[in-house]
PDB file of N, CA and C in Angstrom:
ATOM      1  N   MET A   1      85.500  91.458 115.527  1.00  0.00           N
ATOM      2  CA  MET A   1      84.248  91.460 116.240  1.00  0.00           C
ATOM      3  C   MET A   1      83.612  92.830 116.128  1.00  0.00           C
ATOM      4  N   GLY A   2      82.312  92.910 116.260  1.00  0.00           N
ATOM      5  CA  GLY A   2      81.626  94.182 116.213  1.00  0.00           C
ATOM      6  C   GLY A   2      81.087  94.522 114.840  1.00  0.00           C
ATOM      7  N   HIS A   3      80.650  95.742 114.723  1.00  0.00           N
ATOM      8  CA  HIS A   3      80.087  96.241 113.473  1.00  0.00           C
ATOM      9  C   HIS A   3      80.688  97.604 113.160  1.00  0.00           C
ATOM     10  N   ASN A   4      80.652  97.964 111.885  1.00  0.00           N
ATOM     11  CA  ASN A   4      81.115  99.269 111.414  1.00  0.00           C
ATOM     12  C   ASN A   4      79.959  99.965 110.726  1.00  0.00           C
ATOM     13  N   ALA A   5      80.004 101.292 110.695  1.00  0.00           N
ATOM     14  CA  ALA A   5      79.008 102.084 109.969  1.00  0.00           C
ATOM     15  C   ALA A   5      79.736 103.135 109.149  1.00  0.00           C
ATOM     16  N   THR A   6      79.204 103.427 107.970  1.00  0.00           N
ATOM     17  CA  THR A   6      79.730 104.502 107.135  1.00  0.00           C
ATOM     18  C   THR A   6      78.797 105.688 107.260  1.00  0.00           C
ATOM     19  N   VAL A   7      79.364 106.835 107.639  1.00  0.00           N
ATOM     20  CA  VAL A   7      78.579 108.051 107.841  1.00  0.00           C
ATOM     21  C   VAL A   7      79.229 109.181 107.051  1.00  0.00           C
ATOM     22  N   VAL A   8      78.429 109.882 106.243  1.00  0.00           N
ATOM     23  CA  VAL A   8      78.907 111.064 105.526  1.00  0.00           C
ATOM     24  C   VAL A   8      78.483 112.280 106.339  1.00  0.00           C
ATOM     25  N   VAL A   9      79.454 113.124 106.671  1.00  0.00           N
ATOM     26  CA  VAL A   9      79.187 114.335 107.453  1.00  0.00           C
ATOM     27  C   VAL A   9      79.323 115.537 106.531  1.00  0.00           C
ATOM     28  N   MET A  10      78.313 116.415 106.533  1.00  0.00           N
ATOM     29  CA  MET A  10      78.353 117.636 105.735  1.00  0.00           C
ATOM     30  C   MET A  10      79.156 118.682 106.507  1.00  0.00           C
ATOM     31  N   LEU A  11      80.352 118.952 106.051  1.00  0.00           N
ATOM     32  CA  LEU A  11      81.259 119.820 106.798  1.00  0.00           C
ATOM     33  C   LEU A  11      80.729 121.240 106.956  1.00  0.00           C
ATOM     34  N   ASP A  12      79.875 121.678 106.036  1.00  0.00           N
ATOM     35  CA  ASP A  12      79.279 123.009 106.166  1.00  0.00           C
ATOM     36  C   ASP A  12      78.389 123.111 107.401  1.00  0.00           C
ATOM     37  N   SER A  13      78.008 121.977 107.967  1.00  0.00           N
ATOM     38  CA  SER A  13      77.101 121.968 109.119  1.00  0.00           C
ATOM     39  C   SER A  13      77.792 121.614 110.428  1.00  0.00           C
ATOM     40  N   LEU A  14      79.104 121.618 110.453  1.00  0.00           N
ATOM     41  CA  LEU A  14      79.812 121.261 111.685  1.00  0.00           C
ATOM     42  C   LEU A  14      79.419 122.148 112.859  1.00  0.00           C
ATOM     43  N   HIS A  15      79.134 123.423 112.604  1.00  0.00           N
ATOM     44  CA  HIS A  15      78.730 124.311 113.704  1.00  0.00           C
ATOM     45  C   HIS A  15      77.402 123.847 114.312  1.00  0.00           C
ATOM     46  N   ASN A  16      76.481 123.327 113.486  1.00  0.00           N
ATOM     47  CA  ASN A  16      75.219 122.795 114.022  1.00  0.00           C
ATOM     48  C   ASN A  16      75.470 121.550 114.857  1.00  0.00           C
ATOM     49  N   ILE A  17      76.343 120.680 114.373  1.00  0.00           N
ATOM     50  CA  ILE A  17      76.658 119.451 115.106  1.00  0.00           C
ATOM     51  C   ILE A  17      77.326 119.795 116.437  1.00  0.00           C
ATOM     52  N   LYS A  18      78.244 120.734 116.411  1.00  0.00           N
ATOM     53  CA  LYS A  18      78.978 121.122 117.620  1.00  0.00           C
ATOM     54  C   LYS A  18      78.046 121.613 118.721  1.00  0.00           C
ATOM     55  N   GLU A  19      77.018 122.330 118.347  1.00  0.00           N
ATOM     56  CA  GLU A  19      76.096 122.910 119.321  1.00  0.00           C
ATOM     57  C   GLU A  19      74.923 121.995 119.688  1.00  0.00           C
ATOM     58  N   ASP A  20      74.787 120.878 118.993  1.00  0.00           N
ATOM     59  CA  ASP A  20      73.639 119.987 119.184  1.00  0.00           C
ATOM     60  C   ASP A  20      73.948 118.951 120.262  1.00  0.00           C
ATOM     61  N   THR A  21      73.400 119.134 121.453  1.00  0.00           N
ATOM     62  CA  THR A  21      73.653 118.207 122.559  1.00  0.00           C
ATOM     63  C   THR A  21      72.980 116.854 122.344  1.00  0.00           C
ATOM     64  N   GLU A  22      72.080 116.762 121.372  1.00  0.00           N
ATOM     65  CA  GLU A  22      71.372 115.515 121.072  1.00  0.00           C
ATOM     66  C   GLU A  22      71.987 114.760 119.890  1.00  0.00           C
ATOM     67  N   PHE A  23      73.060 115.297 119.298  1.00  0.00           N
ATOM     68  CA  PHE A  23      73.590 114.690 118.078  1.00  0.00           C
ATOM     69  C   PHE A  23      74.038 113.242 118.294  1.00  0.00           C
ATOM     70  N   GLY A  24      74.669 112.949 119.404  1.00  0.00           N
ATOM     71  CA  GLY A  24      75.110 111.574 119.685  1.00  0.00           C
ATOM     72  C   GLY A  24      73.941 110.599 119.675  1.00  0.00           C
ATOM     73  N   ARG A  25      72.854 110.975 120.314  1.00  0.00           N
ATOM     74  CA  ARG A  25      71.659 110.115 120.328  1.00  0.00           C
ATOM     75  C   ARG A  25      71.093 109.974 118.928  1.00  0.00           C
ATOM     76  N   LYS A  26      71.041 111.096 118.176  1.00  0.00           N
ATOM     77  CA  LYS A  26      70.516 111.054 116.810  1.00  0.00           C
ATOM     78  C   LYS A  26      71.361 110.146 115.919  1.00  0.00           C
ATOM     79  N   LEU A  27      72.680 110.236 116.072  1.00  0.00           N
ATOM     80  CA  LEU A  27      73.575 109.380 115.302  1.00  0.00           C
ATOM     81  C   LEU A  27      73.347 107.919 115.653  1.00  0.00           C
ATOM     82  N   SER A  28      73.272 107.621 116.926  1.00  0.00           N
ATOM     83  CA  SER A  28      73.034 106.252 117.374  1.00  0.00           C
ATOM     84  C   SER A  28      71.706 105.717 116.833  1.00  0.00           C
ATOM     85  N   ASP A  29      70.651 106.531 116.917  1.00  0.00           N
ATOM     86  CA  ASP A  29      69.340 106.117 116.405  1.00  0.00           C
ATOM     87  C   ASP A  29      69.386 105.860 114.901  1.00  0.00           C
ATOM     88  N   ALA A  30      70.067 106.731 114.158  1.00  0.00           N
ATOM     89  CA  ALA A  30      70.146 106.583 112.698  1.00  0.00           C
ATOM     90  C   ALA A  30      70.915 105.321 112.319  1.00  0.00           C
ATOM     91  N   ILE A  31      72.006 105.039 113.025  1.00  0.00           N
ATOM     92  CA  ILE A  31      72.752 103.815 112.754  1.00  0.00           C
ATOM     93  C   ILE A  31      71.884 102.604 113.055  1.00  0.00           C
ATOM     94  N   GLY A  32      71.112 102.674 114.125  1.00  0.00           N
ATOM     95  CA  GLY A  32      70.211 101.576 114.464  1.00  0.00           C
ATOM     96  C   GLY A  32      69.143 101.330 113.408  1.00  0.00           C
ATOM     97  N   LYS A  33      68.759 102.363 112.680  1.00  0.00           N
ATOM     98  CA  LYS A  33      67.748 102.226 111.628  1.00  0.00           C
ATOM     99  C   LYS A  33      68.337 101.784 110.292  1.00  0.00           C
ATOM    100  N   SER A  34      69.653 101.915 110.140  1.00  0.00           N
ATOM    101  CA  SER A  34      70.280 101.626 108.852  1.00  0.00           C
ATOM    102  C   SER A  34      70.541 100.131 108.692  1.00  0.00           C
ATOM    103  N   THR A  35      70.760  99.734 107.432  1.00  0.00           N
ATOM    104  CA  THR A  35      71.151  98.370 107.112  1.00  0.00           C
ATOM    105  C   THR A  35      72.229  98.427 106.044  1.00  0.00           C
ATOM    106  N   THR A  36      72.823  97.279 105.732  1.00  0.00           N
ATOM    107  CA  THR A  36      73.903  97.266 104.750  1.00  0.00           C
ATOM    108  C   THR A  36      73.444  97.771 103.393  1.00  0.00           C
ATOM    109  N   PHE A  37      72.311  97.291 102.907  1.00  0.00           N
ATOM    110  CA  PHE A  37      71.858  97.693 101.576  1.00  0.00           C
ATOM    111  C   PHE A  37      70.542  98.442 101.621  1.00  0.00           C
ATOM    112  N   GLY A  38      70.210  98.985 102.771  1.00  0.00           N
ATOM    113  CA  GLY A  38      68.963  99.722 102.909  1.00  0.00           C
ATOM    114  C   GLY A  38      69.095 101.157 102.446  1.00  0.00           C
ATOM    115  N   LYS A  39      68.061 101.892 102.672  1.00  0.00           N
ATOM    116  CA  LYS A  39      68.039 103.313 102.320  1.00  0.00           C
ATOM    117  C   LYS A  39      68.889 104.090 103.326  1.00  0.00           C
ATOM    118  N   PRO A  40      69.712 105.039 102.854  1.00  0.00           N
ATOM    119  CA  PRO A  40      70.485 105.864 103.782  1.00  0.00           C
ATOM    120  C   PRO A  40      69.568 106.609 104.760  1.00  0.00           C
ATOM    121  N   VAL A  41      70.083 106.890 105.945  1.00  0.00           N
ATOM    122  CA  VAL A  41      69.305 107.541 106.998  1.00  0.00           C
ATOM    123  C   VAL A  41      69.937 108.899 107.301  1.00  0.00           C
ATOM    124  N   ASP A  42      69.170 109.980 107.091  1.00  0.00           N
ATOM    125  CA  ASP A  42      69.659 111.331 107.363  1.00  0.00           C
ATOM    126  C   ASP A  42      69.556 111.661 108.847  1.00  0.00           C
ATOM    127  N   ILE A  43      70.461 112.530 109.291  1.00  0.00           N
ATOM    128  CA  ILE A  43      70.463 113.019 110.665  1.00  0.00           C
ATOM    129  C   ILE A  43      70.317 114.535 110.604  1.00  0.00           C
ATOM    130  N   SER A  44      69.344 115.058 111.334  1.00  0.00           N
ATOM    131  CA  SER A  44      69.099 116.504 111.339  1.00  0.00           C
ATOM    132  C   SER A  44      69.801 117.157 112.521  1.00  0.00           C
ATOM    133  N   SER A  45      70.020 118.463 112.366  1.00  0.00           N
ATOM    134  CA  SER A  45      70.578 119.252 113.459  1.00  0.00           C
ATOM    135  C   SER A  45      70.342 120.715 113.137  1.00  0.00           C
ATOM    136  N   GLY A  46      69.855 121.467 114.119  1.00  0.00           N
ATOM    137  CA  GLY A  46      69.536 122.869 113.869  1.00  0.00           C
ATOM    138  C   GLY A  46      68.520 122.966 112.745  1.00  0.00           C
ATOM    139  N   PRO A  47      68.689 123.903 111.826  1.00  0.00           N
ATOM    140  CA  PRO A  47      67.720 124.069 110.741  1.00  0.00           C
ATOM    141  C   PRO A  47      67.943 123.091 109.584  1.00  0.00           C
ATOM    142  N   CYS A  48      68.988 122.277 109.650  1.00  0.00           N
ATOM    143  CA  CYS A  48      69.337 121.393 108.528  1.00  0.00           C
ATOM    144  C   CYS A  48      68.741 119.998 108.716  1.00  0.00           C
ATOM    145  N   THR A  49      68.182 119.465 107.644  1.00  0.00           N
ATOM    146  CA  THR A  49      67.579 118.128 107.717  1.00  0.00           C
ATOM    147  C   THR A  49      68.604 117.013 107.549  1.00  0.00           C
ATOM    148  N   ASN A  50      69.774 117.331 107.000  1.00  0.00           N
ATOM    149  CA  ASN A  50      70.784 116.278 106.857  1.00  0.00           C
ATOM    150  C   ASN A  50      72.197 116.825 107.052  1.00  0.00           C
ATOM    151  N   VAL A  51      72.598 116.942 108.302  1.00  0.00           N
ATOM    152  CA  VAL A  51      73.970 117.342 108.601  1.00  0.00           C
ATOM    153  C   VAL A  51      74.908 116.144 108.465  1.00  0.00           C
ATOM    154  N   ALA A  52      74.316 114.960 108.499  1.00  0.00           N
ATOM    155  CA  ALA A  52      75.061 113.720 108.309  1.00  0.00           C
ATOM    156  C   ALA A  52      74.086 112.673 107.780  1.00  0.00           C
ATOM    157  N   THR A  53      74.629 111.676 107.095  1.00  0.00           N
ATOM    158  CA  THR A  53      73.818 110.583 106.567  1.00  0.00           C
ATOM    159  C   THR A  53      74.523 109.265 106.840  1.00  0.00           C
ATOM    160  N   VAL A  54      73.805 108.333 107.453  1.00  0.00           N
ATOM    161  CA  VAL A  54      74.327 106.987 107.649  1.00  0.00           C
ATOM    162  C   VAL A  54      74.083 106.236 106.343  1.00  0.00           C
ATOM    163  N   ILE A  55      75.149 105.781 105.724  1.00  0.00           N
ATOM    164  CA  ILE A  55      75.052 105.114 104.427  1.00  0.00           C
ATOM    165  C   ILE A  55      74.777 103.624 104.589  1.00  0.00           C
ATOM    166  N   GLU A  56      75.488 102.983 105.492  1.00  0.00           N
ATOM    167  CA  GLU A  56      75.330 101.539 105.668  1.00  0.00           C
ATOM    168  C   GLU A  56      75.983 101.113 106.967  1.00  0.00           C
ATOM    169  N   GLN A  57      75.726  99.861 107.339  1.00  0.00           N
ATOM    170  CA  GLN A  57      76.448  99.247 108.443  1.00  0.00           C
ATOM    171  C   GLN A  57      76.714  97.799 108.070  1.00  0.00           C
ATOM    172  N   HIS A  58      77.787  97.240 108.611  1.00  0.00           N
ATOM    173  CA  HIS A  58      78.120  95.854 108.305  1.00  0.00           C
ATOM    174  C   HIS A  58      78.993  95.279 109.421  1.00  0.00           C
ATOM    175  N   HIS A  59      79.094  93.966 109.440  1.00  0.00           N
ATOM    176  CA  HIS A  59      79.920  93.287 110.433  1.00  0.00           C
ATOM    177  C   HIS A  59      81.386  93.566 110.136  1.00  0.00           C
ATOM    178  N   ALA A  60      82.178  93.694 111.178  1.00  0.00           N
ATOM    179  CA  ALA A  60      83.590  94.035 111.042  1.00  0.00           C
ATOM    180  C   ALA A  60      84.410  92.933 110.367  1.00  0.00           C
ATOM    181  N   ASP A  61      83.878  91.722 110.234  1.00  0.00           N
ATOM    182  CA  ASP A  61      84.586  90.642 109.540  1.00  0.00           C
ATOM    183  C   ASP A  61      84.426  90.731 108.030  1.00  0.00           C
ATOM    184  N   SER A  62      83.679  91.721 107.556  1.00  0.00           N
ATOM    185  CA  SER A  62      83.475  91.917 106.132  1.00  0.00           C
ATOM    186  C   SER A  62      83.932  93.314 105.740  1.00  0.00           C
ATOM    187  N   THR A  63      84.121  93.493 104.436  1.00  0.00           N
ATOM    188  CA  THR A  63      84.485  94.798 103.890  1.00  0.00           C
ATOM    189  C   THR A  63      83.431  95.187 102.870  1.00  0.00           C
ATOM    190  N   VAL A  64      83.080  96.464 102.870  1.00  0.00           N
ATOM    191  CA  VAL A  64      82.098  96.991 101.933  1.00  0.00           C
ATOM    192  C   VAL A  64      82.751  98.140 101.173  1.00  0.00           C
ATOM    193  N   LEU A  65      82.591  98.139  99.852  1.00  0.00           N
ATOM    194  CA  LEU A  65      83.104  99.220  99.019  1.00  0.00           C
ATOM    195  C   LEU A  65      82.021 100.292  98.940  1.00  0.00           C
ATOM    196  N   VAL A  66      82.346 101.514  99.398  1.00  0.00           N
ATOM    197  CA  VAL A  66      81.384 102.611  99.434  1.00  0.00           C
ATOM    198  C   VAL A  66      81.937 103.781  98.632  1.00  0.00           C
ATOM    199  N   ALA A  67      81.122 104.317  97.734  1.00  0.00           N
ATOM    200  CA  ALA A  67      81.499 105.519  96.986  1.00  0.00           C
ATOM    201  C   ALA A  67      80.842 106.713  97.666  1.00  0.00           C
ATOM    202  N   VAL A  68      81.596 107.806  97.836  1.00  0.00           N
ATOM    203  CA  VAL A  68      81.069 109.000  98.488  1.00  0.00           C
ATOM    204  C   VAL A  68      81.322 110.197  97.590  1.00  0.00           C
ATOM    205  N   GLY A  69      80.285 111.003  97.389  1.00  0.00           N
ATOM    206  CA  GLY A  69      80.401 112.220  96.594  1.00  0.00           C
ATOM    207  C   GLY A  69      79.064 112.923  96.530  1.00  0.00           C
ATOM    208  N   GLY A  70      79.082 114.224  96.299  1.00  0.00           N
ATOM    209  CA  GLY A  70      77.838 114.977  96.165  1.00  0.00           C
ATOM    210  C   GLY A  70      76.964 114.930  97.402  1.00  0.00           C
ATOM    211  N   ASN A  71      77.587 114.938  98.589  1.00  0.00           N
ATOM    212  CA  ASN A  71      76.856 114.860  99.866  1.00  0.00           C
ATOM    213  C   ASN A  71      76.071 113.561 100.006  1.00  0.00           C
ATOM    214  N   TYR A  72      76.565 112.502  99.387  1.00  0.00           N
ATOM    215  CA  TYR A  72      75.853 111.237  99.391  1.00  0.00           C
ATOM    216  C   TYR A  72      76.860 110.098  99.345  1.00  0.00           C
ATOM    217  N   GLY A  73      76.420 108.919  99.668  1.00  0.00           N
ATOM    218  CA  GLY A  73      77.252 107.725  99.561  1.00  0.00           C
ATOM    219  C   GLY A  73      76.401 106.545  99.167  1.00  0.00           C
ATOM    220  N   ALA A  74      77.022 105.546  98.563  1.00  0.00           N
ATOM    221  CA  ALA A  74      76.296 104.346  98.154  1.00  0.00           C
ATOM    222  C   ALA A  74      77.225 103.146  98.193  1.00  0.00           C
ATOM    223  N   VAL A  75      76.676 102.009  98.561  1.00  0.00           N
ATOM    224  CA  VAL A  75      77.419 100.758  98.550  1.00  0.00           C
ATOM    225  C   VAL A  75      77.553 100.313  97.100  1.00  0.00           C
ATOM    226  N   ILE A  76      78.769  99.952  96.717  1.00  0.00           N
ATOM    227  CA  ILE A  76      79.035  99.438  95.381  1.00  0.00           C
ATOM    228  C   ILE A  76      79.308  97.948  95.519  1.00  0.00           C
ATOM    229  N   GLY A  77      78.499  97.138  94.876  1.00  0.00           N
ATOM    230  CA  GLY A  77      78.689  95.695  94.970  1.00  0.00           C
ATOM    231  C   GLY A  77      78.042  95.140  96.221  1.00  0.00           C
ATOM    232  N   HIS A  78      78.756  94.246  96.879  1.00  0.00           N
ATOM    233  CA  HIS A  78      78.226  93.597  98.076  1.00  0.00           C
ATOM    234  C   HIS A  78      79.354  93.372  99.078  1.00  0.00           C
ATOM    235  N   GLN A  79      79.012  92.885 100.236  1.00  0.00           N
ATOM    236  CA  GLN A  79      80.018  92.623 101.267  1.00  0.00           C
ATOM    237  C   GLN A  79      80.962  91.520 100.812  1.00  0.00           C
ATOM    238  N   VAL A  80      82.224  91.675 101.167  1.00  0.00           N
ATOM    239  CA  VAL A  80      83.229  90.655 100.906  1.00  0.00           C
ATOM    240  C   VAL A  80      83.804  90.248 102.255  1.00  0.00           C
ATOM    241  N   TYR A  81      83.873  88.944 102.505  1.00  0.00           N
ATOM    242  CA  TYR A  81      84.441  88.490 103.771  1.00  0.00           C
ATOM    243  C   TYR A  81      85.918  88.849 103.824  1.00  0.00           C
ATOM    244  N   GLY A  82      86.348  89.409 104.918  1.00  0.00           N
ATOM    245  CA  GLY A  82      87.743  89.773 105.131  1.00  0.00           C
ATOM    246  C   GLY A  82      87.871  91.263 105.381  1.00  0.00           C
ATOM    247  N   TRP A  83      89.039  91.670 105.813  1.00  0.00           N
ATOM    248  CA  TRP A  83      89.246  93.074 106.182  1.00  0.00           C
ATOM    249  C   TRP A  83      90.702  93.501 105.934  1.00  0.00           C
ATOM    250  N   GLN A  84      91.356  92.887 104.975  1.00  0.00           N
ATOM    251  CA  GLN A  84      92.762  93.187 104.731  1.00  0.00           C
ATOM    252  C   GLN A  84      92.914  94.377 103.780  1.00  0.00           C
ATOM    253  N   ILE A  85      92.237  95.469 104.076  1.00  0.00           N
ATOM    254  CA  ILE A  85      92.314  96.663 103.244  1.00  0.00           C
ATOM    255  C   ILE A  85      93.771  97.111 103.184  1.00  0.00           C
ATOM    256  N   GLY A  86      94.244  97.393 101.994  1.00  0.00           N
ATOM    257  CA  GLY A  86      95.640  97.745 101.789  1.00  0.00           C
ATOM    258  C   GLY A  86      96.439  96.597 101.212  1.00  0.00           C
ATOM    259  N   ASN A  87      95.933  95.380 101.336  1.00  0.00           N
ATOM    260  CA  ASN A  87      96.561  94.212 100.745  1.00  0.00           C
ATOM    261  C   ASN A  87      96.143  94.137  99.277  1.00  0.00           C
ATOM    262  N   HIS A  88      97.098  94.094  98.373  1.00  0.00           N
ATOM    263  CA  HIS A  88      96.807  94.146  96.936  1.00  0.00           C
ATOM    264  C   HIS A  88      95.817  93.057  96.503  1.00  0.00           C
ATOM    265  N   GLU A  89      96.052  91.831  96.918  1.00  0.00           N
ATOM    266  CA  GLU A  89      95.176  90.727  96.494  1.00  0.00           C
ATOM    267  C   GLU A  89      93.750  90.906  97.033  1.00  0.00           C
ATOM    268  N   PHE A  90      93.642  91.362  98.273  1.00  0.00           N
ATOM    269  CA  PHE A  90      92.304  91.583  98.838  1.00  0.00           C
ATOM    270  C   PHE A  90      91.594  92.726  98.116  1.00  0.00           C
ATOM    271  N   ASN A  91      92.316  93.821  97.863  1.00  0.00           N
ATOM    272  CA  ASN A  91      91.713  94.947  97.142  1.00  0.00           C
ATOM    273  C   ASN A  91      91.249  94.525  95.758  1.00  0.00           C
ATOM    274  N   LEU A  92      92.040  93.697  95.087  1.00  0.00           N
ATOM    275  CA  LEU A  92      91.665  93.199  93.765  1.00  0.00           C
ATOM    276  C   LEU A  92      90.403  92.341  93.859  1.00  0.00           C
ATOM    277  N   LYS A  93      90.335  91.494  94.871  1.00  0.00           N
ATOM    278  CA  LYS A  93      89.134  90.662  95.075  1.00  0.00           C
ATOM    279  C   LYS A  93      87.910  91.552  95.295  1.00  0.00           C
ATOM    280  N   LEU A  94      88.050  92.582  96.111  1.00  0.00           N
ATOM    281  CA  LEU A  94      86.955  93.505  96.393  1.00  0.00           C
ATOM    282  C   LEU A  94      86.474  94.186  95.114  1.00  0.00           C
ATOM    283  N   LEU A  95      87.410  94.691  94.321  1.00  0.00           N
ATOM    284  CA  LEU A  95      87.046  95.357  93.062  1.00  0.00           C
ATOM    285  C   LEU A  95      86.442  94.372  92.064  1.00  0.00           C
ATOM    286  N   ARG A  96      87.020  93.175  91.974  1.00  0.00           N
ATOM    287  CA  ARG A  96      86.519  92.162  91.037  1.00  0.00           C
ATOM    288  C   ARG A  96      85.073  91.786  91.381  1.00  0.00           C
ATOM    289  N   GLU A  97      84.805  91.548  92.650  1.00  0.00           N
ATOM    290  CA  GLU A  97      83.442  91.161  93.040  1.00  0.00           C
ATOM    291  C   GLU A  97      82.461  92.316  92.846  1.00  0.00           C
ATOM    292  N   ALA A  98      82.898  93.559  93.089  1.00  0.00           N
ATOM    293  CA  ALA A  98      82.019  94.708  92.843  1.00  0.00           C
ATOM    294  C   ALA A  98      81.711  94.823  91.356  1.00  0.00           C
ATOM    295  N   ALA A  99      82.730  94.668  90.509  1.00  0.00           N
ATOM    296  CA  ALA A  99      82.517  94.749  89.062  1.00  0.00           C
ATOM    297  C   ALA A  99      81.564  93.651  88.592  1.00  0.00           C
ATOM    298  N   GLU A 100      81.760  92.438  89.083  1.00  0.00           N
ATOM    299  CA  GLU A 100      80.900  91.325  88.679  1.00  0.00           C
ATOM    300  C   GLU A 100      79.464  91.539  89.123  1.00  0.00           C
ATOM    301  N   SER A 101      79.258  92.148  90.293  1.00  0.00           N
ATOM    302  CA  SER A 101      77.884  92.396  90.758  1.00  0.00           C
ATOM    303  C   SER A 101      77.178  93.417  89.857  1.00  0.00           C
ATOM    304  N   LEU A 102      77.975  94.215  89.134  1.00  0.00           N
ATOM    305  CA  LEU A 102      77.423  95.201  88.199  1.00  0.00           C
ATOM    306  C   LEU A 102      77.392  94.679  86.763  1.00  0.00           C
ATOM    307  N   GLY A 103      77.810  93.420  86.577  1.00  0.00           N
ATOM    308  CA  GLY A 103      77.765  92.812  85.250  1.00  0.00           C
ATOM    309  C   GLY A 103      79.028  93.003  84.429  1.00  0.00           C
ATOM    310  N   TYR A 104      80.163  93.276  85.075  1.00  0.00           N
ATOM    311  CA  TYR A 104      81.421  93.496  84.373  1.00  0.00           C
ATOM    312  C   TYR A 104      82.496  92.557  84.901  1.00  0.00           C
ATOM    313  N   ARG A 105      83.570  92.444  84.124  1.00  0.00           N
ATOM    314  CA  ARG A 105      84.750  91.705  84.563  1.00  0.00           C
ATOM    315  C   ARG A 105      85.962  92.620  84.473  1.00  0.00           C
ATOM    316  N   LEU A 106      86.837  92.480  85.440  1.00  0.00           N
ATOM    317  CA  LEU A 106      88.094  93.236  85.406  1.00  0.00           C
ATOM    318  C   LEU A 106      89.117  92.445  84.612  1.00  0.00           C
ATOM    319  N   SER A 107      89.978  93.157  83.926  1.00  0.00           N
ATOM    320  CA  SER A 107      91.120  92.508  83.283  1.00  0.00           C
ATOM    321  C   SER A 107      92.324  93.423  83.439  1.00  0.00           C
ATOM    322  N   ARG A 108      93.466  92.804  83.526  1.00  0.00           N
ATOM    323  CA  ARG A 108      94.706  93.554  83.705  1.00  0.00           C
ATOM    324  C   ARG A 108      95.081  94.230  82.385  1.00  0.00           C
ATOM    325  N   ILE A 109      95.558  95.453  82.478  1.00  0.00           N
ATOM    326  CA  ILE A 109      96.034  96.178  81.301  1.00  0.00           C
ATOM    327  C   ILE A 109      97.385  95.588  80.921  1.00  0.00           C
ATOM    328  N   PRO A 110      97.550  95.164  79.653  1.00  0.00           N
ATOM    329  CA  PRO A 110      98.854  94.599  79.253  1.00  0.00           C
ATOM    330  C   PRO A 110      99.971  95.620  79.419  1.00  0.00           C
ATOM    331  N   LYS A 111     101.106  95.141  79.882  1.00  0.00           N
ATOM    332  CA  LYS A 111     102.270  96.029  80.037  1.00  0.00           C
ATOM    333  C   LYS A 111     102.814  96.367  78.664  1.00  0.00           C
ATOM    334  N   LYS A 112     103.298  97.586  78.543  1.00  0.00           N
ATOM    335  CA  LYS A 112     103.922  98.029  77.295  1.00  0.00           C
ATOM    336  C   LYS A 112     105.295  97.379  77.164  1.00  0.00           C
ATOM    337  N   LYS A 113     105.701  97.121  75.945  1.00  0.00           N
ATOM    338  CA  LYS A 113     107.013  96.544  75.712  1.00  0.00           C
ATOM    339  C   LYS A 113     108.090  97.447  76.283  1.00  0.00           C
ATOM    340  N   GLY A 114     109.070  96.833  76.913  1.00  0.00           N
ATOM    341  CA  GLY A 114     110.187  97.593  77.453  1.00  0.00           C
ATOM    342  C   GLY A 114     109.959  98.130  78.864  1.00  0.00           C
ATOM    343  N   THR A 115     108.814  97.814  79.478  1.00  0.00           N
ATOM    344  CA  THR A 115     108.573  98.253  80.860  1.00  0.00           C
ATOM    345  C   THR A 115     108.647  97.059  81.789  1.00  0.00           C
ATOM    346  N   ALA A 116     108.984  97.327  83.014  1.00  0.00           N
ATOM    347  CA  ALA A 116     109.112  96.233  83.991  1.00  0.00           C
ATOM    348  C   ALA A 116     107.801  95.808  84.543  1.00  0.00           C
TER     349      ALA A 116
END
């Protein structure tokens, strides 16, 4: 039940966040403006325009694959029903559906002779 949100926090700005008594409200407002596949929403604090960025939000009964890097994040693929992160079969399903949404198919690498 409920919803989850992915937020990227710029660690260089933690001192601004720590001193910002309005940060909780700003975070809440930004999450409220975000969507699963919408445009990321930046959160300002002190002199910085983006001390954090809300990347997406989704229902807790689904899983979303998110890539994070370069002070940014993006949803890869689409939501997959389920939440068994760490389960090999579920992770494979998540990766397979993400690859297919990008126009690719996953295939298993053949085992080398003499390996288990």
